[in-house]
Amino acid sequence: MLERFFKLSENNTTVRTEIIAGITTFVAMAYIIFLNPSVLALTGMPNQGVFLATILTAVTGTLITGLFANLPYALAPSIGMQAMFTYTVVFGLGYTWQQALGMVFLVGLVDVIITLTKVRSLIVKSIPVQLKHAIAAGIGLYIAYIGLKNAGFINFLVDGQNIISLNNKPFNGGGAKVVETLTANGSTTPELTTFTSPSVLLALIGLILLVLLVIANVPGSFLISVFVTTLIGIPMGVTNIHISGMSAFSTTFHDFGSIFGQALGTHGLWSMFTSPKDILIVVLTVFSMGLSGLFDAIGTFIGTGISTGIFSAADQKEFYENKGFKSKMDRGLVADTFATMFAGIFGTSNTTTFIEASIGIKAGGRTGLTAVVVAIGFLCSIVAAPLVNVIPSAATAPILVVVGIMMMNEFKLIDWDDIEIAIPAFFTAAFMAFSYSISYGIAAGFIFFVLIKSVKRKFNEISIILWFVSILFILNFVVLALN
């Protein structure tokens, strides 16, 4: 039965090989069930609930990939998108986590529509290859920067004369009993911490440990570093040693009930469209999320599927010509988009096809049976619910740093000798990290690309979609400035 359904012989694999590959992939990416709650909980979401939402989303998306697309890939909430969800949508744009979930669902819905039409291939073809690499590299820089900040490695020196607003009101030199928010100008100076805090020291230990594990190619490096760092944090007084036991399971399901379906509730999707300005911001944010997810998935497919023969030349041709859904890449993207829709409903950030699946592919995984094994692994990981509140952020922050570093290889694919490419590529990556926004990075890259090519009168290199999106981004900045 397994042989016939997954076409094992046709893909030169066996049940044993697929099971080993699935276990390998799961161990490599299981860290996400602890990392995702730690990041999304900063928005006010209950981390136990996000823990279960993360698992259910991973199970659902990975099963669709395995059973519908017959691919050995695994899906789970994206690290880049969890960062955008928290730091851009909620902290930066001021939306509630319920509204952010509404955007996630909307991204999935829109992606399903464009995936089922020719719009998807038009978007893929319309974005210059160099900008695609800049977006991927920029997301890596953005993630690494967040990891360094979350670890406490960076402090910011704010002089009184550089404060612009205090508690969202213009600062006139007066103080406040309680400081809720503080905005300073560009004279704020970042500096390296003194490494005296126990939590910062633990994060440093965790980072060094993770780097050594990764360099040594130890299987499950991320997961091992999380647990070892957590144990080291016990005598340092950083790790919360209170384990709830069986009560953690009831809390997990109770908290999950408080976030499930909020994306479609009155405080979610339907509360965002109150004015033309809000509509424009939502549209551009959804576009940025969808674009990042699309390139992420395609990049993973191309990077791991071509050399291994998972995607044949005919399969790639079928995908780009968009004649239907015969290609594995098409079906894989369908799985990815539906998974993001479910992510919004379950209560977590956008999903992506995890690059860690490449480890399972190296172990011989070639069919959807590998993905099914990964899904089973995630389902069984519900038993780890009592550990969610135990693991400190100092144990998960190093993961963001190392994942970001791994994404830096995209920079080498950019032609830095071509100033017409170097300028938009630089601003794409720089704005993502230093404005704490993936969407602003994409906006900067697109606008500079259109501007430069227009000045050089190379209008044939600017697609209609690029013109349209760049104009929308400019309108968005104008609206924000007039607000």
Protein backbone atom coordinates (compact mmCIF):
# COMPACT_ATOMS: atom_id res chain seq x y z
CA MET A 1 0.00 0.00 0.00
CA LEU A 2 2.75 2.48 0.95
CA GLU A 3 4.70 1.48 -2.13
CA ARG A 4 1.77 2.17 -4.44
CA PHE A 5 0.57 5.40 -2.80
CA PHE A 6 3.96 7.11 -2.44
CA LYS A 7 5.56 5.52 -5.54
CA LEU A 8 8.64 4.50 -3.57
CA SER A 9 10.31 2.39 -6.26
CA GLU A 10 9.74 5.06 -8.86
CA ASN A 11 11.59 7.51 -6.60
CA ASN A 12 14.39 5.04 -5.78
CA THR A 13 13.64 4.81 -2.06
CA THR A 14 12.29 2.39 0.56
CA VAL A 15 10.00 2.54 3.58
CA ARG A 16 12.97 2.25 5.94
CA THR A 17 14.86 5.08 4.23
CA GLU A 18 11.79 7.33 4.29
CA ILE A 19 11.18 6.71 7.99
CA ILE A 20 14.81 7.47 8.88
CA ALA A 21 14.66 10.64 6.74
CA GLY A 22 11.44 11.72 8.44
CA ILE A 23 12.86 11.25 11.93
CA THR A 24 16.01 13.14 10.90
CA THR A 25 14.00 16.09 9.59
CA PHE A 26 11.77 16.22 12.66
CA VAL A 27 14.69 16.26 15.09
CA ALA A 28 16.34 19.02 13.04
CA MET A 29 13.30 21.33 13.16
CA ALA A 30 11.58 20.38 16.44
CA TYR A 31 13.08 23.49 18.06
CA ILE A 32 10.33 25.55 16.40
CA ILE A 33 7.76 24.31 18.93
CA PHE A 34 9.68 26.17 21.63
CA LEU A 35 10.99 29.12 19.61
CA ASN A 36 7.66 30.11 18.07
CA PRO A 37 5.77 30.51 21.39
CA SER A 38 8.66 32.48 22.90
CA VAL A 39 8.52 35.06 20.08
CA LEU A 40 4.74 35.31 19.58
CA ALA A 41 4.08 35.47 23.34
CA LEU A 42 5.71 38.92 23.30
CA THR A 43 2.53 40.19 21.62
CA GLY A 44 0.39 39.08 24.56
CA MET A 45 -0.61 35.70 23.14
CA PRO A 46 -0.62 32.81 25.66
CA ASN A 47 2.52 30.82 24.90
CA GLN A 48 0.97 27.48 25.85
CA GLY A 49 -1.76 28.09 23.30
CA VAL A 50 0.76 29.11 20.62
CA PHE A 51 2.71 25.93 21.41
CA LEU A 52 -0.27 23.77 20.46
CA ALA A 53 -1.17 25.99 17.49
CA THR A 54 2.40 25.59 16.21
CA ILE A 55 2.19 21.81 16.43
CA LEU A 56 -1.24 21.54 14.80
CA THR A 57 -0.17 23.89 12.00
CA ALA A 58 3.00 21.88 11.37
CA VAL A 59 1.05 18.60 11.38
CA THR A 60 -1.62 19.91 9.00
CA GLY A 61 0.74 21.59 6.55
CA THR A 62 3.22 18.73 6.49
CA LEU A 63 0.49 16.12 5.97
CA ILE A 64 -0.90 18.09 3.02
CA THR A 65 2.61 18.25 1.56
CA GLY A 66 3.13 14.53 2.02
CA LEU A 67 -0.26 13.22 1.00
CA PHE A 68 -1.23 15.71 -1.73
CA ALA A 69 2.12 16.71 -3.22
CA ASN A 70 4.05 13.50 -2.35
CA LEU A 71 7.06 15.59 -1.37
CA PRO A 72 9.53 14.98 1.51
CA TYR A 73 9.22 18.55 2.84
CA ALA A 74 7.95 19.73 6.21
CA LEU A 75 6.02 22.90 6.97
CA ALA A 76 5.87 24.93 10.19
CA PRO A 77 5.62 28.59 11.23
CA SER A 78 8.41 30.56 9.57
CA ILE A 79 11.09 32.20 11.71
CA GLY A 80 11.12 35.25 9.45
CA MET A 81 7.34 35.55 9.53
CA GLN A 82 7.10 35.09 13.30
CA ALA A 83 9.51 38.00 13.59
CA MET A 84 7.47 40.09 11.14
CA PHE A 85 4.25 39.13 12.98
CA THR A 86 5.63 40.32 16.33
CA TYR A 87 8.02 43.15 15.58
CA THR A 88 6.54 44.68 12.42
CA VAL A 89 2.79 44.05 12.46
CA VAL A 90 2.13 44.23 16.22
CA PHE A 91 4.96 46.36 17.64
CA GLY A 92 5.68 48.48 14.55
CA LEU A 93 2.26 49.03 12.96
CA GLY A 94 0.32 48.81 16.21
CA TYR A 95 -2.09 46.01 15.33
CA THR A 96 -3.36 43.58 17.95
CA TRP A 97 -2.34 39.94 17.80
CA GLN A 98 -5.91 39.07 16.80
CA GLN A 99 -5.63 41.40 13.81
CA ALA A 100 -2.19 40.02 12.98
CA LEU A 101 -3.73 36.54 12.87
CA GLY A 102 -6.38 37.94 10.55
CA MET A 103 -3.59 39.09 8.23
CA VAL A 104 -2.01 35.64 8.33
CA PHE A 105 -5.30 34.07 7.26
CA LEU A 106 -5.69 36.70 4.54
CA VAL A 107 -2.18 35.97 3.27
CA GLY A 108 -3.08 32.29 3.01
CA LEU A 109 -6.36 33.05 1.24
CA VAL A 110 -4.73 35.41 -1.26
CA ASP A 111 -1.87 32.97 -1.84
CA VAL A 112 -4.35 30.18 -2.54
CA ILE A 113 -6.05 32.36 -5.15
CA ILE A 114 -2.83 33.44 -6.88
CA THR A 115 -1.48 29.90 -6.71
CA LEU A 116 -4.58 28.55 -8.42
CA THR A 117 -4.25 31.17 -11.19
CA LYS A 118 -1.51 32.44 -13.47
CA VAL A 119 -0.84 35.38 -11.15
CA ARG A 120 1.63 33.31 -9.13
CA SER A 121 3.96 32.67 -12.05
CA LEU A 122 3.61 36.30 -13.20
CA ILE A 123 4.81 37.52 -9.78
CA VAL A 124 7.70 35.04 -9.75
CA LYS A 125 8.82 36.17 -13.19
CA SER A 126 8.29 39.90 -12.53
CA ILE A 127 10.70 40.23 -9.59
CA PRO A 128 14.37 40.47 -10.67
CA VAL A 129 16.40 37.46 -9.54
CA GLN A 130 18.92 39.70 -7.77
CA LEU A 131 16.16 41.29 -5.67
CA LYS A 132 14.90 37.85 -4.71
CA HIS A 133 18.34 37.05 -3.32
CA ALA A 134 18.44 40.43 -1.55
CA ILE A 135 15.06 39.73 0.08
CA ALA A 136 16.21 36.32 1.34
CA ALA A 137 19.52 37.73 2.62
CA GLY A 138 17.75 40.70 4.18
CA ILE A 139 15.41 38.42 6.09
CA GLY A 140 18.49 36.59 7.39
CA LEU A 141 20.07 39.84 8.57
CA TYR A 142 16.76 40.86 10.15
CA ILE A 143 16.42 37.56 12.02
CA ALA A 144 20.05 37.62 13.23
CA TYR A 145 19.64 41.20 14.48
CA ILE A 146 16.52 40.25 16.44
CA GLY A 147 18.39 37.30 17.91
CA LEU A 148 21.26 39.51 19.07
CA LYS A 149 18.80 41.93 20.67
CA ASN A 150 16.73 39.20 22.30
CA ALA A 151 19.91 37.68 23.71
CA GLY A 152 20.69 41.03 25.32
CA PHE A 153 23.98 41.46 23.49
CA ILE A 154 23.09 44.98 22.31
CA ASN A 155 22.15 47.99 24.44
CA PHE A 156 21.05 51.43 23.23
CA LEU A 157 22.29 54.67 24.73
CA VAL A 158 19.57 57.34 24.63
CA ASP A 159 20.49 60.91 25.54
CA GLY A 160 17.64 63.08 26.86
CA GLN A 161 17.95 65.61 24.04
CA ASN A 162 17.44 62.84 21.48
CA ILE A 163 14.08 61.69 22.84
CA ILE A 164 11.25 62.50 20.43
CA SER A 165 8.24 61.17 22.30
CA LEU A 166 7.42 59.63 25.67
CA ASN A 167 4.33 57.43 26.10
CA ASN A 168 3.30 58.38 22.53
CA LYS A 169 3.29 62.12 23.38
CA PRO A 170 5.81 64.77 22.25
CA PHE A 171 8.67 64.94 24.76
CA ASN A 172 9.19 68.39 26.29
CA GLY A 173 11.80 67.53 28.88
CA GLY A 174 9.35 66.43 31.55
CA GLY A 175 9.30 63.00 33.10
CA ALA A 176 6.61 60.38 33.62
CA LYS A 177 5.78 58.11 36.55
CA VAL A 178 5.54 55.11 34.23
CA VAL A 179 7.40 54.77 30.93
CA GLU A 180 5.33 52.76 28.44
CA THR A 181 6.95 53.77 25.16
CA LEU A 182 9.93 55.93 24.28
CA THR A 183 10.92 57.06 20.80
CA ALA A 184 14.38 58.52 20.11
CA ASN A 185 15.97 59.88 16.95
CA GLY A 186 18.88 58.58 14.91
CA SER A 187 21.41 59.83 17.45
CA THR A 188 20.60 56.84 19.64
CA THR A 189 23.83 54.85 19.95
CA PRO A 190 23.92 51.03 19.93
CA GLU A 191 26.61 49.48 22.10
CA LEU A 192 27.76 46.03 23.15
CA THR A 193 26.54 44.89 26.55
CA THR A 194 28.98 44.34 29.43
CA PHE A 195 27.94 40.67 29.83
CA THR A 196 27.25 40.91 33.54
CA SER A 197 23.62 39.77 33.52
CA PRO A 198 23.07 36.02 34.12
CA SER A 199 20.55 35.83 31.25
CA VAL A 200 22.97 37.50 28.83
CA LEU A 201 25.79 35.20 29.92
CA LEU A 202 23.51 32.20 29.42
CA ALA A 203 22.63 33.40 25.92
CA LEU A 204 26.34 33.74 25.15
CA ILE A 205 26.97 30.19 26.38
CA GLY A 206 24.04 28.99 24.28
CA LEU A 207 25.32 30.77 21.18
CA ILE A 208 28.84 29.32 21.53
CA LEU A 209 27.40 25.85 22.14
CA LEU A 210 25.10 26.06 19.13
CA VAL A 211 27.86 27.32 16.85
CA LEU A 212 30.11 24.41 17.87
CA LEU A 213 27.30 21.89 17.33
CA VAL A 214 26.48 23.30 13.91
CA ILE A 215 30.13 23.38 12.84
CA ALA A 216 30.49 19.75 13.97
CA ASN A 217 27.37 18.82 11.94
CA VAL A 218 25.72 17.25 14.98
CA PRO A 219 22.18 16.06 14.11
CA GLY A 220 19.50 18.04 15.93
CA SER A 221 21.95 20.82 16.86
CA PHE A 222 19.23 23.42 17.51
CA LEU A 223 17.16 21.15 19.74
CA ILE A 224 20.20 19.94 21.68
CA SER A 225 21.37 23.52 22.30
CA VAL A 226 17.94 24.52 23.62
CA PHE A 227 17.85 21.73 26.19
CA VAL A 228 21.50 21.99 27.25
CA THR A 229 21.31 25.78 27.62
CA THR A 230 18.11 25.41 29.63
CA LEU A 231 19.84 22.97 32.00
CA ILE A 232 22.85 25.26 32.38
CA GLY A 233 20.45 28.07 33.22
CA ILE A 234 19.15 26.25 36.32
CA PRO A 235 22.14 26.91 38.61
CA MET A 236 22.43 30.40 37.09
CA GLY A 237 18.90 31.19 38.23
CA VAL A 238 17.67 31.98 34.72
CA THR A 239 15.67 28.84 33.98
CA ASN A 240 12.21 28.55 35.49
CA ILE A 241 12.37 25.20 37.28
CA HIS A 242 8.65 25.05 38.00
CA ILE A 243 7.19 22.31 35.81
CA SER A 244 3.41 22.22 35.86
CA GLY A 245 3.11 18.54 35.04
CA MET A 246 -0.32 17.30 33.99
CA SER A 247 -1.92 20.69 34.64
CA ALA A 248 0.16 22.05 31.75
CA PHE A 249 -1.93 20.03 29.31
CA SER A 250 -5.22 21.51 30.51
CA THR A 251 -3.66 24.99 30.37
CA THR A 252 -2.38 24.31 26.87
CA PHE A 253 -5.79 23.31 25.51
CA HIS A 254 -7.53 26.11 27.41
CA ASP A 255 -5.13 28.72 26.03
CA PHE A 256 -5.40 27.24 22.56
CA GLY A 257 -9.16 27.73 22.78
CA SER A 258 -8.59 31.43 23.48
CA ILE A 259 -6.66 31.98 20.23
CA PHE A 260 -8.30 29.45 17.90
CA GLY A 261 -10.47 31.23 15.33
CA GLN A 262 -9.60 34.72 16.57
CA ALA A 263 -8.33 35.57 13.08
CA LEU A 264 -11.92 35.49 11.80
CA GLY A 265 -13.51 37.03 14.90
CA THR A 266 -14.78 40.57 15.42
CA HIS A 267 -11.42 41.60 16.88
CA GLY A 268 -9.49 39.98 14.04
CA LEU A 269 -9.84 40.27 10.28
CA TRP A 270 -13.01 42.35 10.28
CA SER A 271 -11.67 45.06 12.60
CA MET A 272 -8.84 46.21 10.31
CA PHE A 273 -10.72 47.85 7.45
CA THR A 274 -11.99 51.00 9.11
CA SER A 275 -10.52 53.60 6.72
CA PRO A 276 -8.84 53.85 3.28
CA LYS A 277 -5.48 54.34 5.04
CA ASP A 278 -5.93 51.11 7.00
CA ILE A 279 -6.93 49.22 3.87
CA LEU A 280 -3.76 50.34 2.07
CA ILE A 281 -1.50 49.35 4.98
CA VAL A 282 -3.19 45.96 5.31
CA VAL A 283 -2.91 45.30 1.57
CA LEU A 284 0.80 46.14 1.50
CA THR A 285 1.54 44.15 4.66
CA VAL A 286 -0.31 41.12 3.32
CA PHE A 287 1.53 41.48 0.02
CA SER A 288 4.91 41.62 1.77
CA MET A 289 4.09 38.57 3.88
CA GLY A 290 2.88 36.63 0.85
CA LEU A 291 5.83 37.63 -1.29
CA SER A 292 8.37 36.61 1.36
CA GLY A 293 6.65 33.28 1.89
CA LEU A 294 6.44 32.58 -1.85
CA PHE A 295 10.14 33.22 -2.44
CA ASP A 296 11.04 31.28 0.69
CA ALA A 297 9.15 28.18 -0.46
CA ILE A 298 10.36 28.36 -4.07
CA GLY A 299 13.93 28.95 -2.90
CA THR A 300 13.81 25.85 -0.69
CA PHE A 301 12.29 23.76 -3.48
CA ILE A 302 14.84 24.84 -6.06
CA GLY A 303 17.78 24.71 -3.68
CA THR A 304 17.12 21.16 -2.51
CA GLY A 305 14.90 19.55 -5.11
CA ILE A 306 16.78 20.00 -8.36
CA SER A 307 20.15 18.49 -7.44
CA THR A 308 18.48 15.47 -5.81
CA GLY A 309 16.10 14.82 -8.70
CA ILE A 310 12.94 15.44 -6.66
CA PHE A 311 12.00 18.08 -9.25
CA SER A 312 12.87 17.04 -12.78
CA ALA A 313 13.53 19.48 -15.64
CA ALA A 314 10.08 18.68 -17.01
CA ASP A 315 8.54 19.38 -13.62
CA GLN A 316 10.21 22.80 -13.47
CA LYS A 317 9.08 23.64 -17.00
CA GLU A 318 5.53 22.65 -16.12
CA PHE A 319 5.64 24.94 -13.07
CA TYR A 320 6.84 28.04 -14.90
CA GLU A 321 4.51 27.55 -17.87
CA ASN A 322 1.63 27.08 -15.42
CA LYS A 323 -0.46 24.69 -17.46
CA GLY A 324 -2.08 23.12 -14.42
CA PHE A 325 -1.12 21.27 -11.28
CA LYS A 326 0.73 18.34 -12.70
CA SER A 327 4.07 19.52 -11.34
CA LYS A 328 5.25 18.66 -7.84
CA MET A 329 6.31 22.27 -7.32
CA ASP A 330 2.78 23.47 -8.03
CA ARG A 331 1.28 20.99 -5.58
CA GLY A 332 3.95 21.85 -3.00
CA LEU A 333 3.05 25.55 -3.20
CA VAL A 334 -0.64 24.71 -2.86
CA ALA A 335 0.17 22.84 0.35
CA ASP A 336 2.22 25.80 1.59
CA THR A 337 -0.60 28.30 0.98
CA PHE A 338 -3.31 26.21 2.59
CA ALA A 339 -1.03 25.65 5.59
CA THR A 340 -0.78 29.43 6.11
CA MET A 341 -4.58 29.70 6.07
CA PHE A 342 -4.78 27.04 8.77
CA ALA A 343 -2.00 28.82 10.70
CA GLY A 344 -4.12 31.95 10.96
CA ILE A 345 -7.13 29.96 12.14
CA PHE A 346 -5.17 27.86 14.63
CA GLY A 347 -3.44 30.93 16.04
CA THR A 348 0.14 31.29 14.81
CA SER A 349 2.23 33.09 12.18
CA ASN A 350 2.69 32.21 8.51
CA THR A 351 4.13 28.85 7.59
CA THR A 352 6.99 28.04 5.28
CA THR A 353 8.71 25.01 3.84
CA PHE A 354 11.58 24.46 6.27
CA ILE A 355 15.09 24.31 4.86
CA GLU A 356 15.83 21.72 7.58
CA ALA A 357 14.00 19.28 5.34
CA SER A 358 17.20 19.23 3.28
CA ILE A 359 18.80 17.21 6.08
CA GLY A 360 16.16 14.53 5.69
CA ILE A 361 16.57 14.66 1.92
CA LYS A 362 20.31 14.09 2.36
CA ALA A 363 19.35 11.05 4.46
CA GLY A 364 17.47 9.67 1.45
CA GLY A 365 13.96 11.09 1.78
CA ARG A 366 12.31 11.41 -1.62
CA THR A 367 8.55 11.05 -1.16
CA GLY A 368 5.63 12.19 0.96
CA LEU A 369 6.17 9.28 3.35
CA THR A 370 9.05 11.28 4.85
CA ALA A 371 6.65 14.19 5.45
CA VAL A 372 4.07 11.91 7.07
CA VAL A 373 6.70 10.65 9.53
CA VAL A 374 7.62 14.28 10.36
CA ALA A 375 3.94 15.07 10.98
CA ILE A 376 3.64 12.11 13.35
CA GLY A 377 6.72 13.38 15.20
CA PHE A 378 5.14 16.82 15.67
CA LEU A 379 1.89 15.27 16.87
CA CYS A 380 3.74 13.24 19.48
CA SER A 381 5.59 16.34 20.67
CA ILE A 382 2.44 17.57 22.43
CA VAL A 383 3.80 15.66 25.44
CA ALA A 384 6.44 18.43 25.73
CA ALA A 385 3.77 20.95 26.83
CA PRO A 386 5.05 21.14 30.45
CA LEU A 387 8.44 22.38 29.17
CA VAL A 388 7.16 25.44 27.30
CA ASN A 389 7.33 27.84 30.25
CA VAL A 390 10.59 26.32 31.47
CA ILE A 391 12.79 27.18 28.50
CA PRO A 392 14.21 30.74 28.79
CA SER A 393 14.53 33.16 25.87
CA ALA A 394 18.30 32.97 26.37
CA ALA A 395 18.08 29.38 25.07
CA THR A 396 16.11 30.27 21.93
CA ALA A 397 17.70 33.61 20.94
CA PRO A 398 20.92 31.95 19.64
CA ILE A 399 18.82 30.00 17.14
CA LEU A 400 17.69 33.24 15.52
CA VAL A 401 21.29 34.40 15.23
CA VAL A 402 22.55 31.18 13.63
CA VAL A 403 19.57 30.81 11.27
CA GLY A 404 20.13 34.39 10.16
CA ILE A 405 23.81 33.65 9.51
CA MET A 406 22.87 30.61 7.41
CA MET A 407 20.70 32.81 5.20
CA MET A 408 23.60 35.18 4.48
CA ASN A 409 24.80 32.92 1.65
CA GLU A 410 22.21 34.68 -0.52
CA PHE A 411 24.45 37.77 -0.50
CA LYS A 412 27.08 36.01 -2.62
CA LEU A 413 24.52 35.53 -5.41
CA ILE A 414 24.13 39.30 -5.79
CA ASP A 415 26.31 41.07 -8.38
CA TRP A 416 27.78 43.78 -6.15
CA ASP A 417 29.96 45.05 -9.01
CA ASP A 418 26.80 46.21 -10.80
CA ILE A 419 25.83 49.44 -9.00
CA GLU A 420 22.33 49.27 -10.52
CA ILE A 421 21.81 46.05 -8.59
CA ALA A 422 23.97 46.78 -5.54
CA ILE A 423 22.01 49.88 -4.47
CA PRO A 424 18.50 48.33 -4.34
CA ALA A 425 19.94 45.09 -2.93
CA PHE A 426 21.67 46.96 -0.11
CA PHE A 427 18.62 49.01 0.82
CA THR A 428 16.43 45.89 0.74
CA ALA A 429 18.59 44.16 3.35
CA ALA A 430 19.46 47.26 5.38
CA PHE A 431 15.89 48.51 5.73
CA MET A 432 14.66 45.07 6.76
CA ALA A 433 17.08 44.83 9.67
CA PHE A 434 17.35 48.42 10.81
CA SER A 435 13.72 49.47 10.37
CA TYR A 436 12.60 46.16 11.92
CA SER A 437 10.33 45.51 8.94
CA ILE A 438 10.48 43.00 6.10
CA SER A 439 7.84 44.98 4.18
CA TYR A 440 9.82 48.22 4.39
CA GLY A 441 12.89 46.40 3.11
CA ILE A 442 10.97 45.06 0.12
CA ALA A 443 9.56 48.55 -0.45
CA ALA A 444 13.01 50.18 -0.39
CA GLY A 445 14.42 47.63 -2.80
CA PHE A 446 11.54 47.91 -5.27
CA ILE A 447 11.45 51.71 -5.23
CA PHE A 448 15.20 52.12 -5.72
CA PHE A 449 15.20 49.49 -8.48
CA VAL A 450 12.41 51.28 -10.37
CA LEU A 451 14.05 54.68 -9.82
CA ILE A 452 17.49 53.56 -11.03
CA LYS A 453 16.22 51.68 -14.07
CA SER A 454 14.02 54.66 -14.98
CA VAL A 455 16.95 57.08 -14.81
CA LYS A 456 18.97 54.68 -16.98
CA ARG A 457 15.96 54.48 -19.35
CA LYS A 458 15.87 50.68 -19.02
CA PHE A 459 12.08 50.60 -18.78
CA ASN A 460 11.96 47.15 -20.38
CA GLU A 461 13.54 45.77 -17.18
CA ILE A 462 10.70 47.06 -15.01
CA SER A 463 7.62 44.84 -14.97
CA ILE A 464 4.09 46.17 -14.64
CA ILE A 465 3.75 44.41 -11.30
CA LEU A 466 6.93 46.08 -10.03
CA TRP A 467 5.62 49.51 -11.10
CA PHE A 468 2.25 48.87 -9.46
CA VAL A 469 3.63 47.61 -6.15
CA SER A 470 6.26 50.37 -5.94
CA ILE A 471 3.58 53.05 -6.40
CA LEU A 472 1.49 51.42 -3.65
CA PHE A 473 4.49 51.43 -1.31
CA ILE A 474 5.10 55.13 -2.01
CA LEU A 475 1.43 55.91 -1.32
CA ASN A 476 1.74 54.00 1.93
CA PHE A 477 4.69 56.12 3.05
CA VAL A 478 2.81 59.29 2.11
CA VAL A 479 -0.21 58.20 4.14
CA LEU A 480 1.98 57.36 7.14
CA ALA A 481 3.69 60.76 6.90
CA LEU A 482 0.36 62.62 6.78
CA ASN A 483 -1.14 60.64 9.64
